Amino acid sequence: MKLFTFFAAILFAASACTQQTETETTTKNSDTQHSELVATVMQVGDSNVDGSVTFSKAENGVRIKGNFKGLEPGNHGFHIHQYGDCTAEDGTSAGGHFNPTNNNHGAPSDMERHMGDLGNIEANEDRMATVDYVDETVTLNQILGRGIIIHAGEDDLTSQPTGAAGSRVACGVIGVAQK
């Protein structure tokens, strides 16, 4: 009888652990916790680049909308990076591109790419750039607390693992937006 009670207790505990794990996984994979995230992007080094970007729920993914100033005219790599850490003088403390599925680097339109591959933003002659599109790969709960980086150069969308976009000119941390 004691042996039966012991095994019953183990089965009950295992069942509870399985239910908790399934609940945690569902929570991590859903975007029900926050409907909008924001990052204030500030200069790295002496670049004078700043701006902000929001990430919000959209019907087919996440809407990414931002405004930036101080950029050299032309295209600049725009990525979500692994860490929400902008403490290094050159922005490298943000780590590499956020890539939870270990895919190759690519364009935002590619079926296989890093979740952090947001492509390029284009600065005009007034040194300003905007972005506004819906991304079907990005999920809000997975990017919360991560870094957003703007690079000095254009992401070629093919070079591995980063797109050869050059140094980092701005960095921000993605946080929960006040609604």
Protein backbone atom coordinates (compact mmCIF):
# COMPACT_ATOMS: atom_id res chain seq x y z
CA MET A 1 0.00 0.00 0.00
CA LYS A 2 2.83 2.43 0.85
CA LEU A 3 4.44 1.67 -2.53
CA PHE A 4 1.15 2.40 -4.34
CA THR A 5 0.79 5.74 -2.48
CA PHE A 6 4.38 6.65 -3.34
CA PHE A 7 3.85 6.00 -7.08
CA ALA A 8 0.52 7.84 -7.05
CA ALA A 9 2.25 10.89 -5.51
CA ILE A 10 4.96 10.79 -8.19
CA LEU A 11 2.37 10.57 -10.99
CA PHE A 12 0.42 13.48 -9.50
CA ALA A 13 3.56 15.62 -9.23
CA ALA A 14 4.61 14.76 -12.79
CA SER A 15 1.16 15.70 -14.07
CA ALA A 16 1.28 19.05 -12.27
CA CYS A 17 4.73 19.79 -13.74
CA THR A 18 3.51 18.97 -17.25
CA GLN A 19 0.50 21.25 -16.87
CA GLN A 20 2.68 24.09 -15.57
CA THR A 21 5.17 23.67 -18.42
CA GLU A 22 2.38 23.71 -21.03
CA THR A 23 0.90 26.86 -19.46
CA GLU A 24 4.30 28.59 -19.39
CA THR A 25 4.96 27.64 -23.02
CA THR A 26 1.56 28.94 -24.11
CA THR A 27 2.16 32.21 -22.27
CA LYS A 28 5.63 32.63 -23.79
CA ASN A 29 4.39 31.96 -27.33
CA SER A 30 1.27 34.12 -27.23
CA ASP A 31 1.15 37.87 -27.52
CA THR A 32 -1.67 38.33 -25.02
CA GLN A 33 0.41 39.97 -22.28
CA HIS A 34 1.30 43.25 -24.03
CA SER A 35 -0.27 44.86 -27.06
CA GLU A 36 2.45 47.48 -27.67
CA LEU A 37 6.17 47.74 -27.05
CA VAL A 38 8.44 50.75 -27.56
CA ALA A 39 12.14 51.52 -27.83
CA THR A 40 13.78 54.90 -27.55
CA VAL A 41 16.84 54.70 -29.76
CA MET A 42 19.87 56.78 -28.76
CA GLN A 43 23.21 57.50 -30.35
CA VAL A 44 26.13 55.13 -30.13
CA GLY A 45 29.44 56.99 -29.94
CA ASP A 46 29.25 60.41 -31.59
CA SER A 47 26.68 59.49 -34.28
CA ASN A 48 23.92 61.92 -33.14
CA VAL A 49 21.30 59.37 -34.26
CA ASP A 50 18.11 59.07 -32.22
CA GLY A 51 14.43 58.27 -32.52
CA SER A 52 11.83 55.77 -31.43
CA VAL A 53 10.10 52.66 -32.70
CA THR A 54 6.90 50.94 -31.62
CA PHE A 55 5.91 47.31 -32.02
CA SER A 56 2.17 46.66 -31.84
CA LYS A 57 -0.24 43.82 -32.50
CA ALA A 58 -1.57 43.67 -36.04
CA GLU A 59 -3.94 41.27 -37.75
CA ASN A 60 -1.16 39.33 -39.51
CA GLY A 61 1.79 39.92 -37.19
CA VAL A 62 3.46 42.89 -35.54
CA ARG A 63 3.34 46.45 -36.87
CA ILE A 64 6.75 48.12 -36.70
CA LYS A 65 6.57 51.90 -36.85
CA GLY A 66 9.43 54.30 -36.19
CA ASN A 67 11.00 57.69 -36.83
CA PHE A 68 14.73 58.41 -36.68
CA LYS A 69 16.93 61.45 -37.25
CA GLY A 70 20.63 62.16 -37.58
CA LEU A 71 21.39 59.36 -40.07
CA GLU A 72 23.62 59.74 -43.10
CA PRO A 73 21.46 59.71 -46.27
CA GLY A 74 20.97 56.18 -47.63
CA ASN A 75 20.11 52.74 -46.29
CA HIS A 76 20.95 51.53 -42.79
CA GLY A 77 20.65 48.04 -41.32
CA PHE A 78 17.83 47.83 -38.78
CA HIS A 79 17.76 44.84 -36.44
CA ILE A 80 16.48 43.42 -33.18
CA HIS A 81 19.51 42.22 -31.24
CA GLN A 82 19.87 39.51 -28.65
CA TYR A 83 20.30 41.68 -25.55
CA GLY A 84 18.68 44.86 -24.29
CA ASP A 85 22.09 46.17 -23.29
CA CYS A 86 23.36 49.42 -24.80
CA THR A 87 26.16 50.01 -22.27
CA ALA A 88 29.15 49.35 -24.56
CA GLU A 89 30.50 52.50 -26.19
CA ASP A 90 30.25 50.83 -29.62
CA GLY A 91 26.88 49.13 -29.00
CA THR A 92 28.31 45.60 -29.09
CA SER A 93 26.85 44.77 -25.67
CA ALA A 94 23.51 44.23 -27.48
CA GLY A 95 25.01 41.03 -28.93
CA GLY A 96 24.15 39.61 -32.33
CA HIS A 97 20.85 39.52 -34.18
CA PHE A 98 18.01 37.92 -32.26
CA ASN A 99 17.71 34.46 -33.81
CA PRO A 100 15.71 32.05 -31.63
CA THR A 101 15.28 29.50 -34.45
CA ASN A 102 18.94 29.45 -35.59
CA ASN A 103 18.09 30.48 -39.17
CA ASN A 104 20.39 32.14 -41.67
CA HIS A 105 20.38 35.92 -42.00
CA GLY A 106 17.94 37.27 -44.58
CA ALA A 107 15.49 39.91 -45.69
CA PRO A 108 12.23 40.62 -43.84
CA SER A 109 10.38 39.05 -46.79
CA ASP A 110 12.34 35.77 -46.64
CA MET A 111 10.59 32.67 -45.33
CA GLU A 112 13.71 31.74 -43.36
CA ARG A 113 15.52 34.51 -41.49
CA HIS A 114 16.48 35.72 -38.03
CA MET A 115 13.50 37.12 -36.12
CA GLY A 116 15.70 40.19 -35.66
CA ASP A 117 16.25 40.78 -39.39
CA LEU A 118 14.18 43.90 -40.05
CA GLY A 119 16.04 44.90 -43.22
CA ASN A 120 16.96 48.51 -43.87
CA ILE A 121 15.62 51.95 -43.14
CA GLU A 122 16.32 54.70 -45.67
CA ALA A 123 17.40 58.14 -44.51
CA ASN A 124 16.57 61.08 -46.78
CA GLU A 125 18.66 64.19 -47.50
CA ASP A 126 17.32 65.72 -44.26
CA ARG A 127 18.94 62.79 -42.39
CA MET A 128 15.54 61.40 -41.35
CA ALA A 129 14.13 57.89 -41.79
CA THR A 130 10.78 56.28 -41.12
CA VAL A 131 9.60 52.70 -41.05
CA ASP A 132 6.02 51.40 -41.03
CA TYR A 133 5.13 47.83 -41.99
CA VAL A 134 3.70 44.59 -40.60
CA ASP A 135 6.16 41.77 -39.91
CA GLU A 136 4.79 38.22 -39.80
CA THR A 137 7.85 36.70 -38.06
CA VAL A 138 8.27 38.99 -35.04
CA THR A 139 6.31 38.18 -31.86
CA LEU A 140 5.94 40.74 -29.10
CA ASN A 141 6.67 38.52 -26.12
CA GLN A 142 9.90 37.23 -27.66
CA ILE A 143 11.35 40.69 -28.38
CA LEU A 144 10.47 42.34 -25.05
CA GLY A 145 13.68 43.38 -23.29
CA ARG A 146 15.88 42.92 -26.37
CA GLY A 147 17.89 45.56 -28.19
CA ILE A 148 17.13 47.49 -31.36
CA ILE A 149 20.15 48.56 -33.41
CA ILE A 150 20.62 50.90 -36.36
CA HIS A 151 23.81 50.32 -38.34
CA ALA A 152 26.04 52.77 -40.19
CA GLY A 153 25.71 50.92 -43.49
CA GLU A 154 23.21 49.06 -45.60
CA ASP A 155 22.28 45.46 -44.79
CA ASP A 156 22.95 43.49 -48.00
CA LEU A 157 20.33 40.96 -46.77
CA THR A 158 22.53 37.97 -47.68
CA SER A 159 25.97 38.07 -45.96
CA GLN A 160 26.14 35.69 -42.99
CA PRO A 161 25.51 36.15 -40.17
CA THR A 162 24.82 39.91 -40.09
CA GLY A 163 24.28 41.37 -43.56
CA ALA A 164 27.57 43.33 -43.49
CA ALA A 165 25.81 46.47 -42.26
CA GLY A 166 28.84 47.88 -40.47
CA SER A 167 29.17 49.58 -37.11
CA ARG A 168 26.31 50.44 -34.79
CA VAL A 169 25.18 54.07 -34.74
CA ALA A 170 22.11 53.81 -32.44
CA CYS A 171 20.82 51.45 -29.77
CA GLY A 172 17.63 51.10 -27.76
CA VAL A 173 15.95 48.64 -25.41
CA ILE A 174 12.50 47.31 -26.26
CA GLY A 175 10.12 47.81 -23.32
CA VAL A 176 6.43 47.89 -22.51
CA ALA A 177 4.66 50.99 -23.88
CA GLN A 178 2.39 53.09 -21.68
CA LYS A 179 -1.13 52.87 -23.04
